[in-house]
Amino acid sequence: LTPSLQSFTVAGDMNLADISLNQIKPEIITQPAGAYVGEGQSAVFTVVGVGANLRYQWYDSTSLLPISGATSNTLTIPNVILTANGKGYFCKVYNDQGQALSQVAHIFVIPIITTQPSDVIAVKGQIATFSYVATGINSSKWYFDGAFVIGCSGTSCIIYTDQLALGSHTVRVDVTNSANHTVSSRTASLNMVSELPPNLLLSPSPANAMVGGYITFTAYVMGTSPKFVWKKNGTVIPNQSSNTLTLTDLKLTDSGITISVDVTTAGGTATTSTVLTVNNWPPFISLLSPTLPTFKVGQTPSFTVSASGDSLSYQWYHKGVLVSGATGPSLSLPALKLSDSGSSVRVVVSNVAGSTERSTSYTVQQTVLPSIS
């Protein structure tokens, strides 16, 4: 007989390393386990054996026929269908010294709950609705505080709260498929309270303001005797306990701060927040001079723009063409010709907040020399 691993004894100076694994027939140390899967999922079975030069062959336990290509220690059955429920598979693990057969492992096709019942907070007299979404369902049984709920047998269950005590109650659903396999949902809670948590809205959101200006935040809340705590980037703003908060003299560095408000009522506490964006003012052009001027042939006129705003940049255009290097608040033109009459001058003033422009045109007249009598 070929001994198993457990039958080896060590005598004298002999140790286990002196024994060639080639002399050991396979032994299975981890049996394949049953696969609990939903319809459309894959069932995976794995066997672990010991021995040298192990080879594997999986079999259908009903037909006892080998499964083509199933020659590794893992068997995958893809896209399981309901009729595969109870189907069994086993593996032969073998080498030149012998073989070992695994136990039969079965597929169990179970319902899969894809959306669990959610927790609900309610006051007396309010209807509490629980629901779930699942695949492969044949029947449902709902339980409230561990007791079966009569009249709830579908994907949703309505609980009438008139007679319920304050505090936490439990709701779950057991779903069963046509293969008679049942799974339980998560245990959802129905928390009965004397007053609902505050319903809170913060305005404006998103929040936008201009440099040097101000912004007022307002917290709209439904609840009894609300108390307000305003925060800037998570730090409490002192002496602000009303439902409004006003920030003044805003700077560009204020852009990106988070304004939040905690509101506490008898029903609990709610928090909401928004991010403030502070924008720079776009440029404002107050004057482009001269306006609609008249020049003489040969003059070299200048145009000047007066604009306000931060970090301004300028670009001038003459006859619709960008003037290279003309990037300041004034523009000087070369000596004019009569053919320049009617030409346009335009300036674009920009900063990070945007741009604005102003344009004019000019007339060129021939120089008239005085007559000599």
Protein backbone atom coordinates (compact mmCIF):
# COMPACT_ATOMS: atom_id res chain seq x y z
CA LEU A 1 0.00 0.00 0.00
CA THR A 2 1.11 3.54 -0.68
CA PRO A 3 1.09 5.44 2.62
CA SER A 4 -0.68 8.76 3.06
CA LEU A 5 1.02 11.84 4.53
CA GLN A 6 -0.37 11.00 7.94
CA SER A 7 1.11 7.47 7.93
CA PHE A 8 4.75 8.53 7.69
CA THR A 9 6.88 8.08 10.82
CA VAL A 10 10.39 9.35 11.34
CA ALA A 11 12.97 6.86 12.61
CA GLY A 12 16.62 7.47 13.55
CA ASP A 13 18.19 10.23 11.49
CA MET A 14 15.50 10.04 8.85
CA ASN A 15 13.33 13.13 8.31
CA LEU A 16 10.39 14.02 6.12
CA ALA A 17 12.63 15.80 3.61
CA ASP A 18 14.24 12.40 2.77
CA ILE A 19 10.91 11.15 1.48
CA SER A 20 10.17 12.08 -2.14
CA LEU A 21 6.74 13.56 -2.73
CA ASN A 22 6.74 11.48 -5.88
CA GLN A 23 6.04 8.49 -3.63
CA ILE A 24 2.87 10.05 -2.21
CA LYS A 25 -0.52 9.64 -3.80
CA PRO A 26 -2.76 12.75 -3.77
CA GLU A 27 -4.66 13.76 -0.70
CA ILE A 28 -7.38 16.42 -0.57
CA ILE A 29 -6.96 18.83 2.33
CA THR A 30 -9.68 21.36 1.36
CA GLN A 31 -12.94 20.13 -0.09
CA PRO A 32 -15.00 22.20 -2.56
CA ALA A 33 -17.82 24.06 -0.83
CA GLY A 34 -21.34 24.75 -2.03
CA ALA A 35 -21.82 27.89 -4.11
CA TYR A 36 -24.65 30.23 -3.14
CA VAL A 37 -25.24 32.47 -6.16
CA GLY A 38 -27.97 34.50 -7.82
CA GLU A 39 -29.28 33.97 -11.32
CA GLY A 40 -26.77 35.23 -13.88
CA GLN A 41 -23.83 35.02 -11.48
CA SER A 42 -20.93 32.55 -11.63
CA ALA A 43 -20.56 29.56 -9.33
CA VAL A 44 -16.93 28.85 -8.38
CA PHE A 45 -15.66 25.63 -6.78
CA THR A 46 -12.09 25.08 -5.55
CA VAL A 47 -10.27 22.00 -4.30
CA VAL A 48 -6.87 21.92 -2.58
CA GLY A 49 -4.71 18.82 -2.71
CA VAL A 50 -1.18 17.77 -1.72
CA GLY A 51 1.19 15.57 -3.65
CA ALA A 52 3.61 15.82 -6.54
CA ASN A 53 2.65 16.57 -10.12
CA LEU A 54 -1.03 16.88 -9.30
CA ARG A 55 -3.59 16.86 -12.08
CA TYR A 56 -7.29 17.63 -11.89
CA GLN A 57 -10.51 16.63 -13.59
CA TRP A 58 -13.96 17.89 -12.62
CA TYR A 59 -17.11 15.80 -13.11
CA ASP A 60 -20.85 16.34 -13.27
CA SER A 61 -22.19 14.39 -10.28
CA THR A 62 -25.40 13.48 -12.10
CA SER A 63 -23.99 12.09 -15.33
CA LEU A 64 -20.60 11.19 -13.81
CA LEU A 65 -19.08 12.46 -17.06
CA PRO A 66 -15.93 14.59 -17.08
CA ILE A 67 -16.38 18.28 -17.88
CA SER A 68 -14.41 19.26 -20.93
CA GLY A 69 -11.56 21.65 -20.18
CA ALA A 70 -12.16 21.57 -16.40
CA THR A 71 -8.62 20.47 -15.54
CA SER A 72 -7.47 22.96 -12.90
CA ASN A 73 -8.14 23.01 -9.17
CA THR A 74 -10.92 25.59 -9.75
CA LEU A 75 -14.18 25.06 -11.62
CA THR A 76 -16.26 28.05 -12.75
CA ILE A 77 -19.85 27.68 -13.93
CA PRO A 78 -20.81 31.01 -15.57
CA ASN A 79 -24.24 32.60 -15.92
CA VAL A 80 -26.07 30.30 -13.55
CA ILE A 81 -29.78 29.77 -14.26
CA LEU A 82 -32.52 28.79 -11.83
CA THR A 83 -32.68 25.20 -13.10
CA ALA A 84 -29.04 24.75 -12.06
CA ASN A 85 -30.16 24.76 -8.42
CA GLY A 86 -28.99 21.56 -6.71
CA LYS A 87 -26.62 20.59 -9.51
CA GLY A 88 -23.47 18.95 -8.12
CA TYR A 89 -19.83 18.70 -9.12
CA PHE A 90 -16.79 16.84 -7.80
CA CYS A 91 -13.10 16.72 -8.66
CA LYS A 92 -10.65 13.89 -9.19
CA VAL A 93 -7.16 14.85 -8.01
CA TYR A 94 -4.54 12.44 -9.32
CA ASN A 95 -0.89 11.77 -10.16
CA ASP A 96 1.18 8.71 -11.12
CA GLN A 97 0.79 7.28 -7.62
CA GLY A 98 -2.99 7.32 -7.44
CA GLN A 99 -6.04 9.51 -7.09
CA ALA A 100 -8.42 11.08 -4.60
CA LEU A 101 -12.05 12.09 -5.18
CA SER A 102 -13.50 15.20 -3.59
CA GLN A 103 -16.90 15.42 -2.02
CA VAL A 104 -19.76 16.64 -4.20
CA ALA A 105 -20.39 20.41 -4.02
CA HIS A 106 -23.72 21.85 -5.13
CA ILE A 107 -25.04 25.06 -6.65
CA PHE A 108 -27.67 26.84 -4.60
CA VAL A 109 -29.51 29.50 -6.59
CA ILE A 110 -30.65 32.16 -4.15
CA PRO A 111 -32.49 35.48 -4.51
CA ILE A 112 -30.25 38.54 -4.54
CA ILE A 113 -31.37 41.75 -2.84
CA THR A 114 -29.84 44.61 -4.82
CA THR A 115 -31.45 47.48 -2.88
CA GLN A 116 -31.95 47.02 0.85
CA PRO A 117 -34.76 48.57 2.93
CA SER A 118 -33.73 52.00 4.25
CA ASP A 119 -34.10 53.38 7.77
CA VAL A 120 -37.09 55.65 8.38
CA ILE A 121 -37.74 58.39 10.94
CA ALA A 122 -41.40 59.17 11.59
CA VAL A 123 -43.80 60.89 13.97
CA LYS A 124 -47.08 59.44 15.16
CA GLY A 125 -49.72 59.39 12.44
CA GLN A 126 -47.17 59.42 9.64
CA ILE A 127 -47.06 56.52 7.19
CA ALA A 128 -43.69 54.73 7.07
CA THR A 129 -42.89 52.92 3.82
CA PHE A 130 -40.15 50.30 3.42
CA SER A 131 -39.15 48.73 0.11
CA TYR A 132 -36.49 46.62 -1.56
CA VAL A 133 -35.31 45.61 -5.03
CA ALA A 134 -34.26 42.01 -5.73
CA THR A 135 -33.84 39.46 -8.52
CA GLY A 136 -35.31 35.99 -8.75
CA ILE A 137 -38.08 36.58 -6.21
CA ASN A 138 -41.14 34.35 -5.84
CA SER A 139 -42.50 35.57 -2.49
CA SER A 140 -41.78 38.03 0.33
CA LYS A 141 -42.50 38.05 4.05
CA TRP A 142 -42.16 41.25 6.05
CA TYR A 143 -41.47 41.36 9.80
CA PHE A 144 -41.98 44.23 12.23
CA ASP A 145 -40.24 43.94 15.60
CA GLY A 146 -39.78 40.25 14.79
CA ALA A 147 -43.48 39.58 14.12
CA PHE A 148 -44.89 38.69 10.69
CA VAL A 149 -46.76 41.60 9.09
CA ILE A 150 -50.09 40.54 7.64
CA GLY A 151 -50.89 42.29 4.36
CA CYS A 152 -47.30 43.00 3.32
CA SER A 153 -46.19 40.50 0.70
CA GLY A 154 -44.68 42.52 -2.15
CA THR A 155 -41.61 44.64 -2.65
CA SER A 156 -42.90 47.35 -0.30
CA CYS A 157 -44.55 47.45 3.10
CA ILE A 158 -46.52 50.31 4.67
CA ILE A 159 -46.43 50.69 8.44
CA TYR A 160 -49.11 52.81 10.12
CA THR A 161 -47.57 54.54 13.10
CA ASP A 162 -50.60 55.83 15.06
CA GLN A 163 -50.26 53.28 17.85
CA LEU A 164 -46.50 52.87 17.89
CA ALA A 165 -44.39 53.77 20.90
CA LEU A 166 -41.61 56.31 20.65
CA GLY A 167 -38.19 54.81 20.07
CA SER A 168 -36.60 52.39 17.65
CA HIS A 169 -38.43 49.53 15.92
CA THR A 170 -37.08 46.95 13.48
CA VAL A 171 -38.21 46.01 9.97
CA ARG A 172 -36.86 43.27 7.72
CA VAL A 173 -38.05 41.19 4.77
CA ASP A 174 -37.37 37.54 3.90
CA VAL A 175 -37.44 36.85 0.16
CA THR A 176 -37.81 33.40 -1.40
CA ASN A 177 -37.31 32.21 -4.98
CA SER A 178 -38.98 29.33 -6.82
CA ALA A 179 -36.08 27.07 -5.80
CA ASN A 180 -37.35 27.59 -2.23
CA HIS A 181 -34.20 29.36 -1.08
CA THR A 182 -34.69 32.30 1.29
CA VAL A 183 -32.48 35.23 2.18
CA SER A 184 -33.10 38.00 4.68
CA SER A 185 -32.63 41.70 4.10
CA ARG A 186 -30.73 43.99 6.41
CA THR A 187 -32.68 44.95 9.49
CA ALA A 188 -33.92 48.48 8.90
CA SER A 189 -34.98 50.77 11.72
CA LEU A 190 -38.18 52.74 12.18
CA ASN A 191 -37.34 55.46 14.66
CA MET A 192 -40.47 57.01 16.16
CA VAL A 193 -39.84 60.55 17.40
CA SER A 194 -41.95 63.34 18.87
CA GLU A 195 -40.62 65.75 16.23
CA LEU A 196 -38.84 65.16 12.95
CA PRO A 197 -35.25 66.36 12.49
CA PRO A 198 -35.13 69.89 11.07
CA ASN A 199 -35.62 70.28 7.36
CA LEU A 200 -32.86 72.71 6.42
CA LEU A 201 -32.14 74.85 3.35
CA LEU A 202 -29.19 77.24 3.01
CA SER A 203 -29.36 80.14 0.57
CA PRO A 204 -27.66 81.21 -1.60
CA SER A 205 -26.08 77.98 -2.80
CA PRO A 206 -23.88 78.16 -4.75
CA ALA A 207 -22.70 81.44 -3.23
CA ASN A 208 -21.10 84.10 -5.43
CA ALA A 209 -20.03 87.63 -4.49
CA MET A 210 -17.74 90.40 -5.68
CA VAL A 211 -14.50 91.75 -4.24
CA GLY A 212 -15.19 94.52 -1.73
CA GLY A 213 -18.86 93.58 -1.51
CA TYR A 214 -20.90 91.56 0.95
CA ILE A 215 -23.05 88.43 1.01
CA THR A 216 -25.85 87.33 3.33
CA PHE A 217 -26.54 83.66 4.00
CA THR A 218 -29.98 82.60 5.23
CA ALA A 219 -30.89 79.28 6.84
CA TYR A 220 -34.51 78.28 6.25
CA VAL A 221 -35.65 75.59 8.70
CA MET A 222 -38.80 73.73 9.70
CA GLY A 223 -38.75 72.79 13.38
CA THR A 224 -39.47 73.99 16.90
CA SER A 225 -37.24 76.63 18.55
CA PRO A 226 -34.27 76.23 16.22
CA LYS A 227 -30.79 77.13 17.42
CA PHE A 228 -28.17 78.15 14.87
CA VAL A 229 -24.39 77.67 14.89
CA TRP A 230 -22.52 79.18 11.93
CA LYS A 231 -19.07 77.97 10.91
CA LYS A 232 -16.34 79.11 8.54
CA ASN A 233 -14.15 76.27 7.31
CA GLY A 234 -15.37 74.22 10.28
CA THR A 235 -14.60 76.87 12.92
CA VAL A 236 -17.48 78.38 14.85
CA ILE A 237 -18.13 82.05 14.04
CA PRO A 238 -18.74 83.81 17.38
CA ASN A 239 -21.81 85.92 18.14
CA GLN A 240 -23.81 84.53 15.23
CA SER A 241 -26.96 82.83 16.50
CA SER A 242 -29.70 84.01 14.14
CA ASN A 243 -30.82 82.37 10.92
CA THR A 244 -28.72 84.83 8.86
CA LEU A 245 -25.00 85.44 8.46
CA THR A 246 -23.53 88.44 6.63
CA LEU A 247 -19.91 88.64 5.47
CA THR A 248 -18.60 92.07 4.41
CA ASP A 249 -15.54 93.57 2.70
CA LEU A 250 -14.91 90.36 0.79
CA LYS A 251 -11.46 89.66 -0.62
CA LEU A 252 -10.24 87.34 -3.33
CA THR A 253 -8.61 85.26 -0.59
CA ASP A 254 -12.11 84.54 0.78
CA SER A 255 -12.91 82.58 -2.36
CA GLY A 256 -13.18 78.85 -1.65
CA ILE A 257 -14.13 79.07 2.03
CA THR A 258 -16.89 76.76 3.27
CA ILE A 259 -19.79 78.30 5.15
CA SER A 260 -21.89 75.83 7.15
CA VAL A 261 -24.71 76.03 9.65
CA ASP A 262 -25.80 73.53 12.32
CA VAL A 263 -29.47 73.80 13.28
CA THR A 264 -30.79 72.04 16.38
CA THR A 265 -34.47 71.57 17.24
CA ALA A 266 -36.41 69.19 19.45
CA GLY A 267 -36.21 66.68 16.60
CA GLY A 268 -32.44 66.66 16.32
CA THR A 269 -29.67 68.46 14.46
CA ALA A 270 -29.20 69.10 10.75
CA THR A 271 -26.17 70.53 8.97
CA THR A 272 -25.73 72.01 5.54
CA SER A 273 -22.98 73.98 3.84
CA THR A 274 -21.96 75.84 0.72
CA VAL A 275 -18.72 77.13 -0.80
CA LEU A 276 -18.21 80.87 -1.33
CA THR A 277 -16.77 82.14 -4.60
CA VAL A 278 -15.46 85.73 -4.64
CA ASN A 279 -15.07 87.24 -8.09
CA ASN A 280 -13.05 90.23 -9.16
CA TRP A 281 -14.85 93.13 -10.82
CA PRO A 282 -14.43 93.19 -14.60
CA PRO A 283 -12.82 96.36 -15.96
CA PHE A 284 -14.94 99.49 -16.33
CA ILE A 285 -14.05 102.00 -19.04
CA SER A 286 -15.12 105.51 -18.14
CA LEU A 287 -13.60 107.37 -21.09
CA LEU A 288 -11.85 106.91 -24.41
CA SER A 289 -10.50 110.19 -25.67
CA PRO A 290 -10.58 111.92 -27.96
CA THR A 291 -14.00 110.83 -29.24
CA LEU A 292 -14.76 111.13 -32.96
CA PRO A 293 -11.90 113.58 -33.43
CA THR A 294 -10.82 115.33 -36.61
CA PHE A 295 -7.12 115.50 -37.48
CA LYS A 296 -5.03 117.05 -40.20
CA VAL A 297 -2.87 115.19 -42.65
CA GLY A 298 0.55 114.61 -41.10
CA GLN A 299 -0.57 114.73 -37.47
CA THR A 300 0.54 111.97 -35.06
CA PRO A 301 -2.45 111.73 -32.71
CA SER A 302 -2.68 109.91 -29.38
CA PHE A 303 -5.68 108.13 -27.81
CA THR A 304 -6.08 107.48 -24.08
CA VAL A 305 -8.43 105.18 -22.16
CA SER A 306 -9.50 105.69 -18.55
CA ALA A 307 -10.49 102.40 -16.87
CA SER A 308 -10.94 101.04 -13.35
CA GLY A 309 -10.42 97.55 -11.96
CA ASP A 310 -7.69 95.32 -10.53
CA SER A 311 -4.68 94.06 -12.50
CA LEU A 312 -5.73 95.59 -15.80
CA SER A 313 -4.17 94.74 -19.13
CA TYR A 314 -4.65 96.63 -22.42
CA GLN A 315 -4.63 95.86 -26.12
CA TRP A 316 -5.17 98.45 -28.85
CA TYR A 317 -6.42 97.87 -32.40
CA HIS A 318 -6.18 100.23 -35.40
CA LYS A 319 -8.30 99.66 -38.49
CA GLY A 320 -9.36 96.33 -36.93
CA VAL A 321 -5.76 95.08 -36.71
CA LEU A 322 -3.95 94.38 -33.44
CA VAL A 323 -1.22 96.96 -32.84
CA SER A 324 1.88 95.08 -31.68
CA GLY A 325 3.28 96.42 -28.41
CA ALA A 326 0.28 98.68 -27.78
CA THR A 327 -0.47 97.27 -24.31
CA GLY A 328 -0.76 100.39 -22.17
CA PRO A 329 -3.50 102.91 -21.46
CA SER A 330 -2.55 105.07 -24.46
CA LEU A 331 -1.93 104.64 -28.19
CA SER A 332 0.13 106.84 -30.50
CA LEU A 333 -0.45 106.67 -34.26
CA PRO A 334 2.08 107.50 -36.99
CA ALA A 335 1.61 110.49 -39.27
CA LEU A 336 -1.84 110.36 -40.80
CA LYS A 337 -2.70 110.32 -44.48
CA LEU A 338 -5.90 111.50 -46.07
CA SER A 339 -6.73 107.86 -46.87
CA ASP A 340 -6.81 107.12 -43.09
CA SER A 341 -9.99 109.14 -42.70
CA GLY A 342 -12.83 107.07 -41.24
CA SER A 343 -10.49 104.53 -39.60
CA SER A 344 -11.33 102.99 -36.26
CA VAL A 345 -9.44 102.81 -32.99
CA ARG A 346 -10.44 100.18 -30.45
CA VAL A 347 -9.09 99.22 -27.02
CA VAL A 348 -9.79 96.02 -25.03
CA VAL A 349 -9.21 96.22 -21.27
CA SER A 350 -9.05 92.91 -19.39
CA ASN A 351 -8.43 91.28 -16.02
CA VAL A 352 -9.14 87.85 -14.51
CA ALA A 353 -12.84 88.72 -14.16
CA GLY A 354 -13.38 89.49 -17.85
CA SER A 355 -12.88 92.19 -20.45
CA THR A 356 -14.58 95.24 -21.87
CA GLU A 357 -13.87 97.39 -24.88
CA ARG A 358 -14.49 100.84 -26.31
CA SER A 359 -13.97 102.15 -29.85
CA THR A 360 -14.09 105.37 -31.84
CA SER A 361 -13.27 106.58 -35.30
CA TYR A 362 -11.53 109.68 -36.65
CA THR A 363 -11.57 111.98 -39.63
CA VAL A 364 -8.54 113.22 -41.53
CA GLN A 365 -8.68 116.50 -43.44
CA GLN A 366 -6.30 118.02 -45.91
CA THR A 367 -4.28 120.91 -44.52
CA VAL A 368 -5.40 124.11 -46.21
CA LEU A 369 -2.65 126.70 -46.63
CA PRO A 370 -3.63 130.35 -46.31
CA SER A 371 -3.93 132.16 -49.62
CA ILE A 372 -1.56 135.04 -50.47
CA SER A 373 -3.27 138.01 -52.00
